[in-house]
Amino acid sequence: MPEFLPCPEPTCRVPAEIVDRWSFRSTDGPVAHAKTLCLAGHWFTLPVDALAARPALSASGEHAIIT
């Protein structure tokens, strides 16, 4: 099932999809990363922790409240 979130580009207001996930090794243990693609064409590769700090989107593309 596709995962959607707000585009990581601060000025972009369209949904982005997580298109790939993987982990990089580090001295503190593995660091999970994800690649996103938004509907406006922005690609980002970020640590998953950075994405988790952003609010999720509902299936309709509206921001969902996470509790």
PDB file of N, CA and C in Angstrom:
ATOM      1  N   MET A   1       0.844  -1.175   0.000  1.00  0.00           N
ATOM      2  CA  MET A   1       0.000   0.000   0.000  1.00  0.00           C
ATOM      3  C   MET A   1       0.891   1.241   0.000  1.00  0.00           C
ATOM      4  N   PRO A   2       0.623   2.209  -0.856  1.00  0.00           N
ATOM      5  CA  PRO A   2       1.461   3.417  -0.916  1.00  0.00           C
ATOM      6  C   PRO A   2       1.405   4.213   0.381  1.00  0.00           C
ATOM      7  N   GLU A   3       2.529   4.809   0.725  1.00  0.00           N
ATOM      8  CA  GLU A   3       2.614   5.691   1.898  1.00  0.00           C
ATOM      9  C   GLU A   3       2.733   7.124   1.399  1.00  0.00           C
ATOM     10  N   PHE A   4       1.846   8.011   1.867  1.00  0.00           N
ATOM     11  CA  PHE A   4       1.865   9.404   1.457  1.00  0.00           C
ATOM     12  C   PHE A   4       2.164  10.301   2.643  1.00  0.00           C
ATOM     13  N   LEU A   5       2.840  11.404   2.370  1.00  0.00           N
ATOM     14  CA  LEU A   5       3.166  12.411   3.368  1.00  0.00           C
ATOM     15  C   LEU A   5       3.316  13.740   2.644  1.00  0.00           C
ATOM     16  N   PRO A   6       3.394  14.849   3.365  1.00  0.00           N
ATOM     17  CA  PRO A   6       3.626  16.129   2.691  1.00  0.00           C
ATOM     18  C   PRO A   6       5.003  16.134   2.034  1.00  0.00           C
ATOM     19  N   CYS A   7       5.124  16.802   0.923  1.00  0.00           N
ATOM     20  CA  CYS A   7       6.417  16.915   0.245  1.00  0.00           C
ATOM     21  C   CYS A   7       7.431  17.536   1.210  1.00  0.00           C
ATOM     22  N   PRO A   8       8.650  16.991   1.278  1.00  0.00           N
ATOM     23  CA  PRO A   8       9.678  17.573   2.147  1.00  0.00           C
ATOM     24  C   PRO A   8      10.123  18.979   1.735  1.00  0.00           C
ATOM     25  N   GLU A   9       9.856  19.403   0.502  1.00  0.00           N
ATOM     26  CA  GLU A   9      10.174  20.771   0.065  1.00  0.00           C
ATOM     27  C   GLU A   9       9.264  21.727   0.827  1.00  0.00           C
ATOM     28  N   PRO A  10       9.804  22.627   1.643  1.00  0.00           N
ATOM     29  CA  PRO A  10       8.984  23.495   2.489  1.00  0.00           C
ATOM     30  C   PRO A  10       7.947  24.340   1.743  1.00  0.00           C
ATOM     31  N   THR A  11       8.210  24.727   0.508  1.00  0.00           N
ATOM     32  CA  THR A  11       7.267  25.577  -0.214  1.00  0.00           C
ATOM     33  C   THR A  11       6.280  24.780  -1.060  1.00  0.00           C
ATOM     34  N   CYS A  12       6.442  23.465  -1.129  1.00  0.00           N
ATOM     35  CA  CYS A  12       5.558  22.617  -1.933  1.00  0.00           C
ATOM     36  C   CYS A  12       4.415  22.117  -1.058  1.00  0.00           C
ATOM     37  N   ARG A  13       3.205  22.186  -1.564  1.00  0.00           N
ATOM     38  CA  ARG A  13       2.049  21.821  -0.757  1.00  0.00           C
ATOM     39  C   ARG A  13       1.298  20.608  -1.303  1.00  0.00           C
ATOM     40  N   VAL A  14       1.982  19.776  -2.096  1.00  0.00           N
ATOM     41  CA  VAL A  14       1.322  18.594  -2.650  1.00  0.00           C
ATOM     42  C   VAL A  14       1.829  17.330  -1.961  1.00  0.00           C
ATOM     43  N   PRO A  15       1.083  16.232  -2.053  1.00  0.00           N
ATOM     44  CA  PRO A  15       1.508  14.985  -1.417  1.00  0.00           C
ATOM     45  C   PRO A  15       2.735  14.378  -2.092  1.00  0.00           C
ATOM     46  N   ALA A  16       3.491  13.640  -1.291  1.00  0.00           N
ATOM     47  CA  ALA A  16       4.639  12.877  -1.790  1.00  0.00           C
ATOM     48  C   ALA A  16       4.440  11.423  -1.392  1.00  0.00           C
ATOM     49  N   GLU A  17       4.964  10.537  -2.209  1.00  0.00           N
ATOM     50  CA  GLU A  17       4.880   9.105  -1.935  1.00  0.00           C
ATOM     51  C   GLU A  17       6.269   8.584  -1.594  1.00  0.00           C
ATOM     52  N   ILE A  18       6.352   7.692  -0.619  1.00  0.00           N
ATOM     53  CA  ILE A  18       7.607   7.011  -0.333  1.00  0.00           C
ATOM     54  C   ILE A  18       7.740   5.908  -1.378  1.00  0.00           C
ATOM     55  N   VAL A  19       8.784   5.999  -2.211  1.00  0.00           N
ATOM     56  CA  VAL A  19       8.952   5.053  -3.304  1.00  0.00           C
ATOM     57  C   VAL A  19      10.019   3.994  -3.028  1.00  0.00           C
ATOM     58  N   ASP A  20      10.851   4.202  -1.996  1.00  0.00           N
ATOM     59  CA  ASP A  20      11.876   3.220  -1.655  1.00  0.00           C
ATOM     60  C   ASP A  20      12.324   3.433  -0.219  1.00  0.00           C
ATOM     61  N   ARG A  21      12.751   2.347   0.428  1.00  0.00           N
ATOM     62  CA  ARG A  21      13.282   2.395   1.806  1.00  0.00           C
ATOM     63  C   ARG A  21      14.506   1.490   1.888  1.00  0.00           C
ATOM     64  N   TRP A  22      15.476   1.873   2.724  1.00  0.00           N
ATOM     65  CA  TRP A  22      16.661   1.062   2.974  1.00  0.00           C
ATOM     66  C   TRP A  22      17.345   1.599   4.215  1.00  0.00           C
ATOM     67  N   SER A  23      18.375   0.907   4.666  1.00  0.00           N
ATOM     68  CA  SER A  23      19.168   1.345   5.826  1.00  0.00           C
ATOM     69  C   SER A  23      20.634   1.449   5.447  1.00  0.00           C
ATOM     70  N   PHE A  24      21.293   2.456   6.009  1.00  0.00           N
ATOM     71  CA  PHE A  24      22.741   2.601   5.906  1.00  0.00           C
ATOM     72  C   PHE A  24      23.337   2.224   7.252  1.00  0.00           C
ATOM     73  N   ARG A  25      24.473   1.550   7.230  1.00  0.00           N
ATOM     74  CA  ARG A  25      25.164   1.237   8.479  1.00  0.00           C
ATOM     75  C   ARG A  25      25.838   2.501   8.997  1.00  0.00           C
ATOM     76  N   SER A  26      25.928   2.593  10.306  1.00  0.00           N
ATOM     77  CA  SER A  26      26.676   3.687  10.933  1.00  0.00           C
ATOM     78  C   SER A  26      27.290   3.159  12.221  1.00  0.00           C
ATOM     79  N   THR A  27      28.142   3.947  12.830  1.00  0.00           N
ATOM     80  CA  THR A  27      28.773   3.516  14.079  1.00  0.00           C
ATOM     81  C   THR A  27      27.773   3.438  15.221  1.00  0.00           C
ATOM     82  N   ASP A  28      26.633   4.120  15.089  1.00  0.00           N
ATOM     83  CA  ASP A  28      25.582   4.066  16.113  1.00  0.00           C
ATOM     84  C   ASP A  28      24.487   3.070  15.763  1.00  0.00           C
ATOM     85  N   GLY A  29      24.676   2.261  14.728  1.00  0.00           N
ATOM     86  CA  GLY A  29      23.665   1.298  14.291  1.00  0.00           C
ATOM     87  C   GLY A  29      23.043   1.740  12.981  1.00  0.00           C
ATOM     88  N   PRO A  30      22.142   0.931  12.420  1.00  0.00           N
ATOM     89  CA  PRO A  30      21.560   1.248  11.123  1.00  0.00           C
ATOM     90  C   PRO A  30      20.695   2.513  11.168  1.00  0.00           C
ATOM     91  N   VAL A  31      20.726   3.268  10.063  1.00  0.00           N
ATOM     92  CA  VAL A  31      19.919   4.480   9.932  1.00  0.00           C
ATOM     93  C   VAL A  31      18.985   4.266   8.741  1.00  0.00           C
ATOM     94  N   ALA A  32      17.690   4.191   9.020  1.00  0.00           N
ATOM     95  CA  ALA A  32      16.695   3.969   7.975  1.00  0.00           C
ATOM     96  C   ALA A  32      16.531   5.236   7.131  1.00  0.00           C
ATOM     97  N   HIS A  33      16.488   5.064   5.813  1.00  0.00           N
ATOM     98  CA  HIS A  33      16.299   6.164   4.865  1.00  0.00           C
ATOM     99  C   HIS A  33      15.124   5.849   3.950  1.00  0.00           C
ATOM    100  N   ALA A  34      14.568   6.885   3.346  1.00  0.00           N
ATOM    101  CA  ALA A  34      13.481   6.717   2.388  1.00  0.00           C
ATOM    102  C   ALA A  34      13.653   7.712   1.253  1.00  0.00           C
ATOM    103  N   LYS A  35      13.240   7.296   0.056  1.00  0.00           N
ATOM    104  CA  LYS A  35      13.224   8.190  -1.101  1.00  0.00           C
ATOM    105  C   LYS A  35      11.771   8.551  -1.367  1.00  0.00           C
ATOM    106  N   THR A  36      11.506   9.862  -1.545  1.00  0.00           N
ATOM    107  CA  THR A  36      10.148  10.325  -1.814  1.00  0.00           C
ATOM    108  C   THR A  36      10.070  10.997  -3.172  1.00  0.00           C
ATOM    109  N   LEU A  37       8.882  10.968  -3.753  1.00  0.00           N
ATOM    110  CA  LEU A  37       8.582  11.659  -5.001  1.00  0.00           C
ATOM    111  C   LEU A  37       7.236  12.335  -4.819  1.00  0.00           C
ATOM    112  N   CYS A  38       7.183  13.665  -5.020  1.00  0.00           N
ATOM    113  CA  CYS A  38       5.913  14.368  -4.886  1.00  0.00           C
ATOM    114  C   CYS A  38       5.282  14.551  -6.266  1.00  0.00           C
ATOM    115  N   LEU A  39       4.013  14.929  -6.263  1.00  0.00           N
ATOM    116  CA  LEU A  39       3.270  15.117  -7.509  1.00  0.00           C
ATOM    117  C   LEU A  39       3.817  16.263  -8.346  1.00  0.00           C
ATOM    118  N   ALA A  40       4.595  17.162  -7.738  1.00  0.00           N
ATOM    119  CA  ALA A  40       5.205  18.266  -8.476  1.00  0.00           C
ATOM    120  C   ALA A  40       6.565  17.868  -9.056  1.00  0.00           C
ATOM    121  N   GLY A  41       7.038  16.648  -8.751  1.00  0.00           N
ATOM    122  CA  GLY A  41       8.285  16.151  -9.319  1.00  0.00           C
ATOM    123  C   GLY A  41       9.507  16.288  -8.440  1.00  0.00           C
ATOM    124  N   HIS A  42       9.349  16.696  -7.179  1.00  0.00           N
ATOM    125  CA  HIS A  42      10.499  16.792  -6.277  1.00  0.00           C
ATOM    126  C   HIS A  42      10.885  15.405  -5.770  1.00  0.00           C
ATOM    127  N   TRP A  43      12.180  15.075  -5.841  1.00  0.00           N
ATOM    128  CA  TRP A  43      12.730  13.845  -5.269  1.00  0.00           C
ATOM    129  C   TRP A  43      13.552  14.204  -4.042  1.00  0.00           C
ATOM    130  N   PHE A  44      13.385  13.445  -2.962  1.00  0.00           N
ATOM    131  CA  PHE A  44      14.195  13.641  -1.763  1.00  0.00           C
ATOM    132  C   PHE A  44      14.599  12.286  -1.203  1.00  0.00           C
ATOM    133  N   THR A  45      15.797  12.197  -0.669  1.00  0.00           N
ATOM    134  CA  THR A  45      16.266  11.038   0.078  1.00  0.00           C
ATOM    135  C   THR A  45      16.626  11.549   1.460  1.00  0.00           C
ATOM    136  N   LEU A  46      15.894  11.062   2.451  1.00  0.00           N
ATOM    137  CA  LEU A  46      16.045  11.567   3.819  1.00  0.00           C
ATOM    138  C   LEU A  46      16.036  10.421   4.816  1.00  0.00           C
ATOM    139  N   PRO A  47      16.618  10.632   6.000  1.00  0.00           N
ATOM    140  CA  PRO A  47      16.438   9.667   7.076  1.00  0.00           C
ATOM    141  C   PRO A  47      14.945   9.597   7.444  1.00  0.00           C
ATOM    142  N   VAL A  48      14.478   8.417   7.756  1.00  0.00           N
ATOM    143  CA  VAL A  48      13.066   8.235   8.098  1.00  0.00           C
ATOM    144  C   VAL A  48      12.686   9.084   9.308  1.00  0.00           C
ATOM    145  N   ASP A  49      13.611   9.281  10.241  1.00  0.00           N
ATOM    146  CA  ASP A  49      13.324  10.123  11.407  1.00  0.00           C
ATOM    147  C   ASP A  49      12.940  11.547  10.986  1.00  0.00           C
ATOM    148  N   ALA A  50      13.551  12.063   9.933  1.00  0.00           N
ATOM    149  CA  ALA A  50      13.221  13.408   9.450  1.00  0.00           C
ATOM    150  C   ALA A  50      11.824  13.432   8.842  1.00  0.00           C
ATOM    151  N   LEU A  51      11.425  12.344   8.214  1.00  0.00           N
ATOM    152  CA  LEU A  51      10.080  12.274   7.637  1.00  0.00           C
ATOM    153  C   LEU A  51       9.024  12.094   8.713  1.00  0.00           C
ATOM    154  N   ALA A  52       9.370  11.364   9.774  1.00  0.00           N
ATOM    155  CA  ALA A  52       8.412  11.087  10.837  1.00  0.00           C
ATOM    156  C   ALA A  52       8.000  12.357  11.567  1.00  0.00           C
ATOM    157  N   ALA A  53       8.813  13.386  11.512  1.00  0.00           N
ATOM    158  CA  ALA A  53       8.496  14.642  12.196  1.00  0.00           C
ATOM    159  C   ALA A  53       7.448  15.457  11.444  1.00  0.00           C
ATOM    160  N   ARG A  54       7.126  15.055  10.194  1.00  0.00           N
ATOM    161  CA  ARG A  54       6.145  15.770   9.377  1.00  0.00           C
ATOM    162  C   ARG A  54       4.783  15.122   9.554  1.00  0.00           C
ATOM    163  N   PRO A  55       3.680  15.893   9.505  1.00  0.00           N
ATOM    164  CA  PRO A  55       2.357  15.300   9.646  1.00  0.00           C
ATOM    165  C   PRO A  55       2.027  14.401   8.464  1.00  0.00           C
ATOM    166  N   ALA A  56       1.279  13.334   8.722  1.00  0.00           N
ATOM    167  CA  ALA A  56       0.872  12.411   7.664  1.00  0.00           C
ATOM    168  C   ALA A  56      -0.266  13.011   6.847  1.00  0.00           C
ATOM    169  N   LEU A  57      -0.486  12.456   5.661  1.00  0.00           N
ATOM    170  CA  LEU A  57      -1.605  12.860   4.818  1.00  0.00           C
ATOM    171  C   LEU A  57      -2.620  11.737   4.772  1.00  0.00           C
ATOM    172  N   SER A  58      -3.885  12.100   4.713  1.00  0.00           N
ATOM    173  CA  SER A  58      -4.923  11.103   4.515  1.00  0.00           C
ATOM    174  C   SER A  58      -4.923  10.694   3.051  1.00  0.00           C
ATOM    175  N   ALA A  59      -5.733   9.708   2.691  1.00  0.00           N
ATOM    176  CA  ALA A  59      -5.809   9.243   1.311  1.00  0.00           C
ATOM    177  C   ALA A  59      -6.274  10.353   0.373  1.00  0.00           C
ATOM    178  N   SER A  60      -7.025  11.325   0.884  1.00  0.00           N
ATOM    179  CA  SER A  60      -7.517  12.424   0.052  1.00  0.00           C
ATOM    180  C   SER A  60      -6.473  13.518  -0.127  1.00  0.00           C
ATOM    181  N   GLY A  61      -5.316  13.371   0.532  1.00  0.00           N
ATOM    182  CA  GLY A  61      -4.261  14.370   0.416  1.00  0.00           C
ATOM    183  C   GLY A  61      -4.343  15.472   1.457  1.00  0.00           C
ATOM    184  N   GLU A  62      -5.276  15.363   2.387  1.00  0.00           N
ATOM    185  CA  GLU A  62      -5.407  16.343   3.464  1.00  0.00           C
ATOM    186  C   GLU A  62      -4.530  15.932   4.631  1.00  0.00           C
ATOM    187  N   HIS A  63      -4.051  16.899   5.379  1.00  0.00           N
ATOM    188  CA  HIS A  63      -3.247  16.585   6.563  1.00  0.00           C
ATOM    189  C   HIS A  63      -4.110  15.882   7.592  1.00  0.00           C
ATOM    190  N   ALA A  64      -3.628  14.771   8.107  1.00  0.00           N
ATOM    191  CA  ALA A  64      -4.326  14.031   9.136  1.00  0.00           C
ATOM    192  C   ALA A  64      -3.752  14.410  10.486  1.00  0.00           C
ATOM    193  N   ILE A  65      -4.578  14.364  11.501  1.00  0.00           N
ATOM    194  CA  ILE A  65      -4.109  14.636  12.854  1.00  0.00           C
ATOM    195  C   ILE A  65      -3.582  13.345  13.441  1.00  0.00           C
ATOM    196  N   ILE A  66      -2.316  13.354  13.873  1.00  0.00           N
ATOM    197  CA  ILE A  66      -1.699  12.170  14.463  1.00  0.00           C
ATOM    198  C   ILE A  66      -1.717  12.339  15.962  1.00  0.00           C
ATOM    199  N   THR A  67      -2.295  11.351  16.651  1.00  0.00           N
ATOM    200  CA  THR A  67      -2.351  11.404  18.113  1.00  0.00           C
ATOM    201  C   THR A  67      -1.603  10.259  18.722  1.00  0.00           C
TER     202      THR A  67
END
